[in-house]
N, C-alpha and C. Protein backbone atom coordinates (compact mmCIF):
# COMPACT_ATOMS: atom_id res chain seq x y z
N MET A 1 -0.27 -15.51 53.98
CA MET A 1 -0.69 -14.15 53.65
C MET A 1 0.42 -13.42 52.89
N HIS A 2 1.63 -13.60 53.38
CA HIS A 2 2.79 -12.99 52.74
C HIS A 2 2.93 -13.43 51.30
N LYS A 3 2.79 -14.75 51.07
CA LYS A 3 2.92 -15.30 49.73
C LYS A 3 1.82 -14.79 48.81
N PHE A 4 0.61 -14.61 49.38
CA PHE A 4 -0.52 -14.10 48.58
C PHE A 4 -0.25 -12.67 48.11
N LEU A 5 0.30 -11.82 48.97
CA LEU A 5 0.59 -10.44 48.60
C LEU A 5 1.67 -10.38 47.51
N ILE A 6 2.70 -11.22 47.65
CA ILE A 6 3.76 -11.24 46.65
C ILE A 6 3.22 -11.67 45.30
N LEU A 7 2.37 -12.73 45.32
CA LEU A 7 1.76 -13.20 44.08
C LEU A 7 0.89 -12.13 43.45
N SER A 8 0.15 -11.38 44.27
CA SER A 8 -0.70 -10.30 43.76
C SER A 8 0.12 -9.21 43.10
N LEU A 9 1.24 -8.86 43.72
CA LEU A 9 2.11 -7.82 43.16
C LEU A 9 2.69 -8.25 41.82
N ILE A 10 3.08 -9.52 41.70
CA ILE A 10 3.62 -10.03 40.44
C ILE A 10 2.57 -9.97 39.35
N CYS A 11 1.32 -10.29 39.69
CA CYS A 11 0.24 -10.25 38.70
C CYS A 11 -0.07 -8.85 38.23
N LEU A 12 0.10 -7.86 39.12
CA LEU A 12 -0.20 -6.47 38.79
C LEU A 12 0.94 -5.78 38.07
N LEU A 13 2.15 -6.33 38.14
CA LEU A 13 3.33 -5.67 37.58
C LEU A 13 3.20 -5.32 36.11
N PRO A 14 2.70 -6.21 35.24
CA PRO A 14 2.57 -5.84 33.83
C PRO A 14 1.66 -4.65 33.61
N VAL A 15 0.64 -4.50 34.46
CA VAL A 15 -0.27 -3.36 34.33
C VAL A 15 0.44 -2.08 34.74
N TRP A 16 1.20 -2.13 35.84
CA TRP A 16 1.88 -0.95 36.33
C TRP A 16 2.98 -0.48 35.38
N THR A 17 3.67 -1.42 34.74
CA THR A 17 4.81 -1.05 33.91
C THR A 17 4.43 -0.72 32.48
N LYS A 18 3.20 -0.96 32.05
CA LYS A 18 2.79 -0.63 30.70
C LYS A 18 2.75 0.88 30.53
N PRO A 19 3.37 1.44 29.51
CA PRO A 19 3.41 2.88 29.33
C PRO A 19 2.00 3.47 29.25
N VAL A 20 1.79 4.60 29.90
CA VAL A 20 0.52 5.30 29.83
C VAL A 20 0.61 6.33 28.72
N VAL A 21 -0.16 6.14 27.65
CA VAL A 21 -0.10 7.05 26.52
C VAL A 21 -1.27 8.02 26.59
N GLY A 22 -2.49 7.49 26.35
CA GLY A 22 -3.70 8.29 26.49
C GLY A 22 -3.62 9.63 25.77
N LYS A 23 -4.24 10.63 26.37
CA LYS A 23 -4.31 11.95 25.76
C LYS A 23 -2.94 12.61 25.66
N SER A 24 -1.97 12.15 26.47
CA SER A 24 -0.65 12.78 26.42
C SER A 24 0.01 12.62 25.07
N LEU A 25 -0.46 11.67 24.27
CA LEU A 25 0.10 11.47 22.93
C LEU A 25 -0.39 12.52 21.95
N GLU A 26 -1.54 13.09 22.19
CA GLU A 26 -2.11 14.06 21.25
C GLU A 26 -1.23 15.31 21.17
N GLY A 27 -1.10 15.84 19.96
CA GLY A 27 -0.30 17.04 19.78
C GLY A 27 0.24 17.12 18.37
N LEU A 28 1.11 18.09 18.17
CA LEU A 28 1.75 18.28 16.87
C LEU A 28 3.25 18.15 17.04
N TYR A 29 3.86 17.26 16.27
CA TYR A 29 5.27 16.94 16.40
C TYR A 29 5.97 17.24 15.08
N ILE A 30 7.06 17.99 15.14
CA ILE A 30 7.71 18.46 13.92
C ILE A 30 9.22 18.27 14.03
N SER A 31 9.82 17.84 12.92
CA SER A 31 11.28 17.68 12.87
C SER A 31 11.94 19.02 12.62
N ASP A 32 13.25 19.08 12.77
CA ASP A 32 13.98 20.23 12.27
C ASP A 32 14.24 20.02 10.78
N ARG A 33 14.94 20.91 10.16
CA ARG A 33 15.20 20.79 8.73
C ARG A 33 16.26 19.72 8.50
N GLN A 34 15.90 18.70 7.71
CA GLN A 34 16.77 17.56 7.44
C GLN A 34 17.39 17.70 6.05
N THR A 35 18.71 17.71 6.00
CA THR A 35 19.41 17.86 4.72
C THR A 35 19.33 16.58 3.90
N THR A 36 19.02 16.73 2.62
CA THR A 36 19.02 15.60 1.68
C THR A 36 20.07 15.86 0.62
N GLU A 37 20.21 14.92 -0.29
CA GLU A 37 21.24 15.03 -1.33
C GLU A 37 21.02 16.25 -2.22
N ASN A 38 19.74 16.56 -2.49
CA ASN A 38 19.44 17.65 -3.41
C ASN A 38 18.72 18.83 -2.77
N GLY A 39 18.64 18.85 -1.45
CA GLY A 39 17.92 19.94 -0.78
C GLY A 39 17.67 19.63 0.68
N TYR A 40 16.40 19.68 1.09
CA TYR A 40 16.07 19.38 2.49
C TYR A 40 14.60 18.99 2.59
N LEU A 41 14.22 18.49 3.78
CA LEU A 41 12.82 18.18 4.05
C LEU A 41 12.50 18.49 5.50
N VAL A 42 11.22 18.70 5.76
CA VAL A 42 10.69 18.91 7.11
C VAL A 42 9.45 18.05 7.25
N ILE A 43 9.29 17.39 8.39
CA ILE A 43 8.16 16.50 8.62
C ILE A 43 7.37 16.96 9.84
N GLY A 44 6.04 16.92 9.71
CA GLY A 44 5.15 17.20 10.83
C GLY A 44 4.11 16.10 10.96
N ILE A 45 3.79 15.72 12.21
CA ILE A 45 2.77 14.70 12.46
C ILE A 45 1.80 15.24 13.51
N GLU A 46 0.53 15.26 13.15
CA GLU A 46 -0.54 15.67 14.06
C GLU A 46 -1.26 14.41 14.54
N ILE A 47 -1.28 14.18 15.86
CA ILE A 47 -1.93 13.01 16.44
C ILE A 47 -3.15 13.45 17.23
N PHE A 48 -4.26 12.77 17.00
CA PHE A 48 -5.50 13.14 17.68
C PHE A 48 -6.31 11.89 17.99
N GLN A 49 -7.32 12.07 18.81
CA GLN A 49 -8.12 10.95 19.29
C GLN A 49 -9.59 11.20 18.99
N GLU A 50 -10.27 10.17 18.47
CA GLU A 50 -11.71 10.23 18.21
C GLU A 50 -12.35 8.94 18.68
N LYS A 51 -13.36 9.08 19.55
CA LYS A 51 -14.11 7.92 20.06
C LYS A 51 -13.18 6.85 20.62
N GLY A 52 -12.15 7.30 21.34
CA GLY A 52 -11.25 6.38 22.02
C GLY A 52 -10.17 5.78 21.15
N LYS A 53 -10.12 6.14 19.85
CA LYS A 53 -9.10 5.63 18.96
C LYS A 53 -8.20 6.77 18.48
N PHE A 54 -6.94 6.43 18.19
CA PHE A 54 -5.97 7.45 17.76
C PHE A 54 -5.77 7.42 16.25
N PHE A 55 -5.66 8.62 15.67
CA PHE A 55 -5.43 8.79 14.25
C PHE A 55 -4.33 9.84 14.07
N TYR A 56 -3.89 10.02 12.82
CA TYR A 56 -2.84 11.00 12.58
C TYR A 56 -2.93 11.56 11.17
N TYR A 57 -2.41 12.78 11.05
CA TYR A 57 -2.08 13.38 9.76
C TYR A 57 -0.56 13.55 9.73
N ALA A 58 0.05 13.26 8.61
CA ALA A 58 1.49 13.47 8.45
C ALA A 58 1.73 14.29 7.19
N GLN A 59 2.60 15.27 7.29
CA GLN A 59 2.95 16.12 6.15
C GLN A 59 4.47 16.23 6.05
N GLU A 60 4.94 16.20 4.82
CA GLU A 60 6.38 16.34 4.58
C GLU A 60 6.58 17.38 3.48
N LEU A 61 7.33 18.41 3.80
CA LEU A 61 7.68 19.43 2.81
C LEU A 61 9.09 19.13 2.32
N ARG A 62 9.24 19.00 1.00
CA ARG A 62 10.52 18.65 0.40
C ARG A 62 10.94 19.74 -0.59
N TYR A 63 12.18 20.17 -0.47
CA TYR A 63 12.74 21.11 -1.44
C TYR A 63 13.87 20.44 -2.21
N LYS A 64 13.78 20.49 -3.53
CA LYS A 64 14.85 19.98 -4.40
C LYS A 64 15.33 21.12 -5.28
N LYS A 65 16.61 21.33 -5.32
CA LYS A 65 17.17 22.46 -6.07
C LYS A 65 16.78 22.42 -7.54
N THR A 66 16.62 21.23 -8.09
CA THR A 66 16.33 21.12 -9.52
C THR A 66 14.84 21.09 -9.84
N LEU A 67 14.01 20.64 -8.88
CA LEU A 67 12.59 20.44 -9.16
C LEU A 67 11.66 21.39 -8.42
N GLY A 68 12.15 22.04 -7.37
CA GLY A 68 11.28 22.92 -6.60
C GLY A 68 10.72 22.23 -5.36
N TRP A 69 9.40 22.36 -5.15
CA TRP A 69 8.79 21.95 -3.89
C TRP A 69 7.81 20.81 -4.08
N GLU A 70 7.83 19.88 -3.13
CA GLU A 70 6.84 18.82 -3.05
C GLU A 70 6.26 18.78 -1.65
N GLU A 71 4.99 18.42 -1.56
CA GLU A 71 4.32 18.26 -0.28
C GLU A 71 3.67 16.87 -0.28
N ILE A 72 4.08 16.03 0.67
CA ILE A 72 3.52 14.69 0.78
C ILE A 72 2.55 14.68 1.95
N LEU A 73 1.35 14.17 1.73
CA LEU A 73 0.29 14.17 2.73
C LEU A 73 -0.18 12.75 3.00
N PHE A 74 -0.13 12.34 4.26
CA PHE A 74 -0.62 11.03 4.68
C PHE A 74 -1.72 11.22 5.73
N VAL A 75 -2.72 10.36 5.71
CA VAL A 75 -3.71 10.29 6.79
C VAL A 75 -3.86 8.83 7.15
N GLY A 76 -3.99 8.51 8.42
CA GLY A 76 -4.07 7.11 8.79
C GLY A 76 -4.44 6.89 10.24
N LYS A 77 -4.26 5.65 10.68
CA LYS A 77 -4.64 5.25 12.03
C LYS A 77 -3.42 4.77 12.79
N ILE A 78 -3.56 4.75 14.10
CA ILE A 78 -2.51 4.25 14.98
C ILE A 78 -2.98 2.92 15.54
N THR A 79 -2.21 1.87 15.30
CA THR A 79 -2.67 0.52 15.64
C THR A 79 -2.00 -0.05 16.87
N ASN A 80 -1.03 0.64 17.42
CA ASN A 80 -0.34 0.11 18.60
C ASN A 80 0.04 1.27 19.51
N LEU A 81 -0.35 1.19 20.76
CA LEU A 81 -0.01 2.23 21.72
C LEU A 81 0.86 1.62 22.82
N SER A 82 2.16 1.71 22.64
CA SER A 82 3.10 1.18 23.62
C SER A 82 4.38 1.98 23.49
N GLU A 83 5.50 1.40 23.84
CA GLU A 83 6.77 2.10 23.68
C GLU A 83 7.11 2.30 22.21
N GLU A 84 6.53 1.47 21.34
CA GLU A 84 6.69 1.62 19.90
C GLU A 84 5.31 1.82 19.28
N ILE A 85 5.06 3.03 18.79
CA ILE A 85 3.75 3.37 18.25
C ILE A 85 3.75 3.14 16.74
N HIS A 86 2.73 2.44 16.24
CA HIS A 86 2.65 2.11 14.84
C HIS A 86 1.69 3.04 14.11
N LEU A 87 2.17 3.66 13.03
CA LEU A 87 1.36 4.54 12.21
C LEU A 87 1.10 3.85 10.87
N VAL A 88 -0.17 3.60 10.57
CA VAL A 88 -0.53 2.91 9.34
C VAL A 88 -1.26 3.88 8.42
N PRO A 89 -0.72 4.21 7.25
CA PRO A 89 -1.38 5.13 6.33
C PRO A 89 -2.63 4.50 5.70
N GLU A 90 -3.64 5.34 5.45
CA GLU A 90 -4.85 4.89 4.76
C GLU A 90 -5.12 5.69 3.49
N GLY A 91 -4.52 6.87 3.39
CA GLY A 91 -4.65 7.70 2.19
C GLY A 91 -3.41 8.56 2.03
N CYS A 92 -2.88 8.63 0.79
CA CYS A 92 -1.62 9.35 0.56
C CYS A 92 -1.67 10.10 -0.77
N GLN A 93 -1.05 11.26 -0.80
CA GLN A 93 -0.97 12.01 -2.04
C GLN A 93 0.27 12.89 -2.06
N ILE A 94 0.66 13.29 -3.26
CA ILE A 94 1.80 14.19 -3.45
C ILE A 94 1.33 15.40 -4.24
N ARG A 95 1.69 16.58 -3.76
CA ARG A 95 1.42 17.82 -4.47
C ARG A 95 2.75 18.53 -4.71
N ALA A 96 2.78 19.40 -5.71
CA ALA A 96 4.07 20.03 -6.05
C ALA A 96 3.87 21.41 -6.65
N THR A 97 4.92 22.22 -6.58
CA THR A 97 4.98 23.51 -7.25
C THR A 97 6.44 23.83 -7.55
N LYS A 98 6.69 24.50 -8.65
CA LYS A 98 8.06 24.82 -9.04
C LYS A 98 8.61 25.97 -8.19
N GLU A 99 7.78 26.98 -7.96
CA GLU A 99 8.21 28.17 -7.22
C GLU A 99 7.42 28.32 -5.95
N TRP A 100 8.11 28.67 -4.86
CA TRP A 100 7.41 28.90 -3.59
C TRP A 100 6.45 30.08 -3.74
N GLY A 101 5.26 29.94 -3.16
CA GLY A 101 4.26 30.98 -3.26
C GLY A 101 3.17 30.65 -4.26
N GLN A 102 3.46 29.76 -5.21
CA GLN A 102 2.44 29.30 -6.14
C GLN A 102 1.66 28.16 -5.49
N LYS A 103 0.43 27.96 -5.97
CA LYS A 103 -0.42 26.93 -5.39
C LYS A 103 0.14 25.55 -5.70
N PHE A 104 0.12 24.67 -4.68
CA PHE A 104 0.54 23.29 -4.89
C PHE A 104 -0.51 22.57 -5.74
N ALA A 105 -0.06 21.86 -6.76
CA ALA A 105 -0.96 21.10 -7.63
C ALA A 105 -0.83 19.62 -7.32
N LEU A 106 -1.95 18.91 -7.34
CA LEU A 106 -1.94 17.48 -7.07
C LEU A 106 -1.20 16.73 -8.18
N LEU A 107 -0.16 15.99 -7.81
CA LEU A 107 0.56 15.15 -8.77
C LEU A 107 -0.08 13.77 -8.88
N ARG A 108 -0.28 13.15 -7.71
CA ARG A 108 -0.89 11.82 -7.75
C ARG A 108 -1.30 11.38 -6.35
N ARG A 109 -2.29 10.50 -6.32
CA ARG A 109 -2.62 9.74 -5.12
C ARG A 109 -2.09 8.33 -5.31
N PHE A 110 -1.74 7.68 -4.22
CA PHE A 110 -1.17 6.35 -4.38
C PHE A 110 -1.55 5.44 -3.22
N ASP A 111 -1.47 4.15 -3.46
CA ASP A 111 -1.79 3.14 -2.46
C ASP A 111 -0.66 3.07 -1.44
N CYS A 112 -1.00 3.20 -0.18
CA CYS A 112 0.06 3.20 0.84
C CYS A 112 -0.31 2.37 2.07
N GLU A 113 -1.41 1.62 2.00
CA GLU A 113 -1.86 0.86 3.16
C GLU A 113 -0.89 -0.25 3.55
N HIS A 114 -0.01 -0.61 2.65
CA HIS A 114 0.99 -1.65 2.95
C HIS A 114 2.16 -1.09 3.75
N LEU A 115 2.25 0.23 3.86
CA LEU A 115 3.35 0.86 4.58
C LEU A 115 3.07 0.91 6.08
N GLN A 116 4.11 1.01 6.86
CA GLN A 116 3.96 1.22 8.30
C GLN A 116 5.16 1.99 8.83
N PHE A 117 4.87 2.99 9.65
CA PHE A 117 5.91 3.79 10.28
C PHE A 117 5.83 3.59 11.79
N THR A 118 6.91 3.82 12.48
CA THR A 118 6.90 3.69 13.94
C THR A 118 7.45 4.96 14.58
N LEU A 119 6.99 5.19 15.80
CA LEU A 119 7.51 6.25 16.65
C LEU A 119 8.08 5.61 17.91
N ILE A 120 9.33 5.94 18.21
CA ILE A 120 9.97 5.46 19.43
C ILE A 120 10.68 6.64 20.09
N LYS A 121 10.62 6.74 21.40
CA LYS A 121 11.27 7.86 22.08
C LYS A 121 12.77 7.59 22.23
N ASN A 122 13.56 8.65 22.00
CA ASN A 122 15.01 8.52 22.17
C ASN A 122 15.42 8.92 23.59
N GLN A 123 16.72 9.00 23.84
CA GLN A 123 17.21 9.30 25.18
C GLN A 123 16.84 10.71 25.64
N ASP A 124 16.51 11.58 24.69
CA ASP A 124 16.09 12.94 25.04
C ASP A 124 14.58 13.05 25.19
N LYS A 125 13.87 11.92 25.17
CA LYS A 125 12.42 11.84 25.33
C LYS A 125 11.67 12.44 24.16
N ALA A 126 12.33 12.58 23.02
CA ALA A 126 11.67 13.06 21.80
C ALA A 126 11.27 11.85 20.96
N TRP A 127 10.11 11.95 20.29
CA TRP A 127 9.70 10.87 19.41
C TRP A 127 10.59 10.85 18.17
N VAL A 128 10.93 9.67 17.73
CA VAL A 128 11.75 9.48 16.52
C VAL A 128 10.92 8.70 15.51
N LEU A 129 10.75 9.27 14.32
CA LEU A 129 10.02 8.62 13.24
C LEU A 129 10.96 7.68 12.49
N SER A 130 10.49 6.46 12.22
CA SER A 130 11.35 5.43 11.63
C SER A 130 11.94 5.83 10.29
N GLU A 131 11.18 6.58 9.48
CA GLU A 131 11.70 7.08 8.21
C GLU A 131 10.81 8.20 7.69
N SER A 132 11.34 8.98 6.74
CA SER A 132 10.53 10.03 6.13
C SER A 132 9.45 9.39 5.27
N LEU A 133 8.45 10.16 4.86
CA LEU A 133 7.25 9.60 4.25
C LEU A 133 7.53 8.90 2.93
N LEU A 134 8.55 9.34 2.21
CA LEU A 134 8.92 8.67 0.96
C LEU A 134 10.18 7.82 1.11
N GLY A 135 10.62 7.63 2.35
CA GLY A 135 11.74 6.73 2.61
C GLY A 135 13.12 7.29 2.33
N THR A 136 13.22 8.60 2.16
CA THR A 136 14.52 9.21 1.83
C THR A 136 15.50 9.12 2.99
N LEU A 137 15.03 9.40 4.20
CA LEU A 137 15.88 9.40 5.39
C LEU A 137 15.28 8.50 6.45
N ALA A 138 16.13 7.99 7.34
CA ALA A 138 15.67 7.12 8.42
C ALA A 138 15.92 7.78 9.78
N ASN A 139 15.11 7.36 10.77
CA ASN A 139 15.29 7.76 12.17
C ASN A 139 15.36 9.27 12.33
N ILE A 140 14.22 9.91 12.13
CA ILE A 140 14.14 11.38 12.17
C ILE A 140 13.54 11.83 13.50
N PRO A 141 14.31 12.51 14.35
CA PRO A 141 13.75 13.02 15.61
C PRO A 141 12.74 14.13 15.35
N LEU A 142 11.61 14.03 16.01
CA LEU A 142 10.59 15.09 15.96
C LEU A 142 10.86 15.99 17.17
N VAL A 143 11.77 16.90 16.99
CA VAL A 143 12.36 17.63 18.12
C VAL A 143 11.42 18.69 18.70
N PHE A 144 10.39 19.08 17.94
CA PHE A 144 9.44 20.07 18.44
C PHE A 144 8.11 19.38 18.75
N ALA A 145 7.66 19.49 20.00
CA ALA A 145 6.38 18.94 20.42
C ALA A 145 5.50 20.10 20.87
N LEU A 146 4.51 20.43 20.06
CA LEU A 146 3.67 21.60 20.29
C LEU A 146 2.34 21.21 20.91
N GLU A 147 1.93 21.96 21.92
CA GLU A 147 0.57 21.81 22.46
C GLU A 147 -0.40 22.15 21.34
N HIS A 148 -1.34 21.24 21.09
CA HIS A 148 -2.12 21.40 19.87
C HIS A 148 -3.47 20.71 20.00
N LYS A 149 -4.49 21.34 19.44
CA LYS A 149 -5.81 20.75 19.33
C LYS A 149 -6.05 20.43 17.86
N ALA A 150 -6.43 19.20 17.58
CA ALA A 150 -6.57 18.74 16.19
C ALA A 150 -7.46 19.67 15.39
N GLY A 151 -7.01 20.00 14.18
CA GLY A 151 -7.79 20.85 13.29
C GLY A 151 -7.44 22.32 13.36
N ASN A 152 -6.74 22.75 14.42
CA ASN A 152 -6.35 24.16 14.51
C ASN A 152 -5.25 24.47 13.52
N PRO A 153 -5.33 25.58 12.81
CA PRO A 153 -4.28 25.94 11.83
C PRO A 153 -2.97 26.30 12.53
N VAL A 154 -1.90 25.62 12.16
CA VAL A 154 -0.56 25.89 12.69
C VAL A 154 0.40 25.96 11.51
N GLY A 155 1.23 27.00 11.50
CA GLY A 155 2.17 27.19 10.42
C GLY A 155 3.60 27.23 10.90
N VAL A 156 4.51 26.81 10.01
CA VAL A 156 5.95 26.81 10.28
C VAL A 156 6.59 27.82 9.34
N GLN A 157 7.41 28.70 9.90
CA GLN A 157 8.15 29.65 9.08
C GLN A 157 9.58 29.16 8.95
N LEU A 158 10.00 28.91 7.71
CA LEU A 158 11.34 28.41 7.44
C LEU A 158 12.24 29.52 6.93
N SER A 159 13.50 29.50 7.30
CA SER A 159 14.44 30.47 6.77
C SER A 159 14.61 30.24 5.28
N GLY A 160 14.83 31.30 4.55
CA GLY A 160 15.03 31.19 3.12
C GLY A 160 13.78 31.32 2.29
N LEU A 161 12.59 31.34 2.94
CA LEU A 161 11.34 31.54 2.22
C LEU A 161 10.95 33.01 2.30
N SER A 162 9.82 33.34 1.68
CA SER A 162 9.33 34.71 1.76
C SER A 162 9.07 35.07 3.21
N VAL A 163 9.17 36.34 3.54
CA VAL A 163 8.98 36.77 4.92
C VAL A 163 7.51 36.87 5.24
N GLY A 164 7.21 36.89 6.56
CA GLY A 164 5.84 37.08 7.00
C GLY A 164 4.92 35.94 6.61
N ARG A 165 3.68 36.26 6.38
CA ARG A 165 2.64 35.28 6.08
C ARG A 165 2.96 34.48 4.81
N GLU A 166 3.69 35.08 3.89
CA GLU A 166 3.96 34.42 2.61
C GLU A 166 4.97 33.28 2.73
N GLY A 167 5.69 33.23 3.84
CA GLY A 167 6.70 32.19 4.01
C GLY A 167 6.29 31.08 4.95
N ILE A 168 4.98 30.85 5.08
CA ILE A 168 4.46 29.89 6.05
C ILE A 168 4.00 28.61 5.37
N TRP A 169 4.33 27.48 5.98
CA TRP A 169 3.84 26.17 5.55
C TRP A 169 3.36 25.42 6.77
N GLY A 170 2.29 24.62 6.63
CA GLY A 170 1.87 23.85 7.79
C GLY A 170 0.54 23.16 7.65
N PHE A 171 -0.14 23.00 8.78
CA PHE A 171 -1.35 22.20 8.89
C PHE A 171 -2.61 23.07 8.87
N HIS A 172 -3.61 22.65 8.06
CA HIS A 172 -4.94 23.27 8.05
C HIS A 172 -4.87 24.76 7.73
N LEU A 173 -4.09 25.12 6.75
CA LEU A 173 -3.85 26.54 6.49
C LEU A 173 -4.59 27.08 5.27
N ASN A 174 -5.39 26.29 4.60
CA ASN A 174 -6.13 26.81 3.44
C ASN A 174 -7.10 27.91 3.87
N GLY A 175 -7.09 28.99 3.11
CA GLY A 175 -8.06 30.04 3.39
C GLY A 175 -7.64 31.07 4.41
N ILE A 176 -6.35 31.19 4.69
CA ILE A 176 -5.89 32.18 5.67
C ILE A 176 -6.20 33.60 5.23
N GLY A 177 -6.00 33.88 3.96
CA GLY A 177 -6.20 35.25 3.49
C GLY A 177 -5.23 36.20 4.16
N GLU A 178 -5.75 37.28 4.69
CA GLU A 178 -4.90 38.29 5.33
C GLU A 178 -4.95 38.22 6.85
N LYS A 179 -5.47 37.15 7.39
CA LYS A 179 -5.58 37.03 8.85
C LYS A 179 -4.21 36.82 9.47
N ASN A 180 -3.94 37.52 10.56
CA ASN A 180 -2.70 37.32 11.31
C ASN A 180 -2.85 36.13 12.25
N PRO A 181 -1.74 35.49 12.62
CA PRO A 181 -1.82 34.42 13.63
C PRO A 181 -2.34 34.96 14.95
N GLU A 182 -2.87 34.06 15.75
CA GLU A 182 -3.34 34.39 17.09
C GLU A 182 -2.22 34.23 18.12
N LYS A 183 -1.36 33.21 17.92
CA LYS A 183 -0.33 32.87 18.91
C LYS A 183 1.00 32.58 18.23
N THR A 184 2.09 32.71 18.99
CA THR A 184 3.43 32.31 18.58
C THR A 184 3.96 31.30 19.58
N TRP A 185 4.57 30.22 19.10
CA TRP A 185 5.09 29.20 20.00
C TRP A 185 6.43 29.62 20.56
N ASN A 186 6.55 29.52 21.90
CA ASN A 186 7.81 29.81 22.58
C ASN A 186 8.46 28.48 22.95
N PRO A 187 9.46 28.02 22.20
CA PRO A 187 10.04 26.69 22.46
C PRO A 187 10.75 26.58 23.80
N SER A 188 11.32 27.68 24.29
CA SER A 188 12.04 27.62 25.56
C SER A 188 11.08 27.45 26.74
N LYS A 189 9.88 28.02 26.63
CA LYS A 189 8.88 27.89 27.69
C LYS A 189 7.89 26.77 27.43
N GLY A 190 7.83 26.31 26.18
CA GLY A 190 6.92 25.24 25.84
C GLY A 190 5.47 25.65 25.89
N ASN A 191 5.16 26.88 25.44
CA ASN A 191 3.76 27.32 25.43
C ASN A 191 3.52 28.33 24.30
N TRP A 192 2.23 28.60 24.08
CA TRP A 192 1.82 29.60 23.09
C TRP A 192 1.70 30.96 23.75
N GLU A 193 2.19 31.99 23.06
CA GLU A 193 2.12 33.36 23.56
C GLU A 193 1.42 34.23 22.53
N PRO A 194 0.84 35.36 22.95
CA PRO A 194 0.14 36.24 22.00
C PRO A 194 1.04 36.67 20.85
N PHE A 195 0.50 36.65 19.65
CA PHE A 195 1.25 37.05 18.46
C PHE A 195 1.56 38.54 18.48
N LYS A 196 2.84 38.87 18.28
CA LYS A 196 3.27 40.27 18.28
C LYS A 196 3.97 40.63 16.97
N GLY A 197 3.76 39.84 15.96
CA GLY A 197 4.41 40.08 14.68
C GLY A 197 5.29 38.91 14.30
N PHE A 198 5.51 38.76 12.99
CA PHE A 198 6.36 37.68 12.51
C PHE A 198 7.81 37.95 12.90
N GLY A 199 8.56 36.87 13.14
CA GLY A 199 9.95 37.00 13.57
C GLY A 199 10.86 37.40 12.43
N ASP A 200 12.16 37.28 12.69
CA ASP A 200 13.16 37.71 11.72
C ASP A 200 13.58 36.57 10.79
N ASN A 201 12.65 35.60 10.61
CA ASN A 201 12.87 34.52 9.65
C ASN A 201 14.02 33.60 10.04
N LYS A 202 14.19 33.39 11.35
CA LYS A 202 15.16 32.40 11.81
C LYS A 202 14.60 31.01 11.56
N GLU A 203 15.41 30.01 11.79
CA GLU A 203 15.00 28.64 11.51
C GLU A 203 13.81 28.21 12.35
N LEU A 204 12.76 27.74 11.71
CA LEU A 204 11.60 27.12 12.32
C LEU A 204 10.96 27.94 13.45
N GLN A 205 10.07 28.81 13.05
CA GLN A 205 9.21 29.51 13.98
C GLN A 205 7.78 29.05 13.73
N PHE A 206 6.98 28.96 14.80
CA PHE A 206 5.65 28.37 14.71
C PHE A 206 4.59 29.40 15.10
N TYR A 207 3.49 29.38 14.35
CA TYR A 207 2.38 30.31 14.59
C TYR A 207 1.05 29.54 14.55
N ARG A 208 0.10 30.00 15.35
CA ARG A 208 -1.21 29.37 15.38
C ARG A 208 -2.29 30.40 15.07
N TRP A 209 -3.17 30.02 14.16
CA TRP A 209 -4.29 30.89 13.80
C TRP A 209 -5.55 30.48 14.55
N LYS A 210 -6.43 31.42 14.72
CA LYS A 210 -7.74 31.10 15.29
C LYS A 210 -8.57 30.40 14.23
N ARG A 211 -9.24 29.34 14.59
CA ARG A 211 -9.97 28.55 13.61
C ARG A 211 -11.35 29.19 13.36
N THR A 212 -11.35 30.15 12.45
CA THR A 212 -12.61 30.85 12.14
C THR A 212 -12.94 30.74 10.66
N PHE A 213 -12.26 29.86 9.94
CA PHE A 213 -12.49 29.72 8.51
C PHE A 213 -12.45 28.24 8.14
N SER A 214 -12.97 27.93 7.00
CA SER A 214 -13.00 26.56 6.52
C SER A 214 -11.62 26.13 6.08
N ASN A 215 -11.23 24.89 6.44
CA ASN A 215 -9.96 24.35 5.98
C ASN A 215 -10.16 23.06 5.20
């Protein structure tokens, strides 16, 4: 009897030790501002689940002193759910504008299905992206993990941009118009709080809009 119980425990061990990902993986993950040779970049990844499968949107905002602004957009699927999560792109495009505040224009779409990115947690339990979307930088911690429902408009306010609504970049933000955000993210508490006005343009502030318009 003793031997049977020990054998049963050994058989169950792989199941018990396999990481539980599930819905806990869903959310919005954003890096801090990463310095590059000619400017900086910020990366955001939105992970969501449909019919039991995981998918993602990835966005990268790039500023170059000589060229202005680029926005890289990836959409794809997640093919591995373990300690190392695999992100496989299925559609990719680059948009650009010379001056902040002007509309981003589509530069090109490109084949990216041969690419693969990974997410691995570091010692601080933050997800680390294997590289930026165009390969400029490697091992980028996604230090901000926001409670998020896929499709909800979320914006990031970066220092050095226009103040208020005009200085916002982020996910699902087309068609905001003059609407104010509904919530402000409190990183110290890890939750959304009622919007009481835009901040003083410090580094990386997050706002969420009510989804009442087409994106």
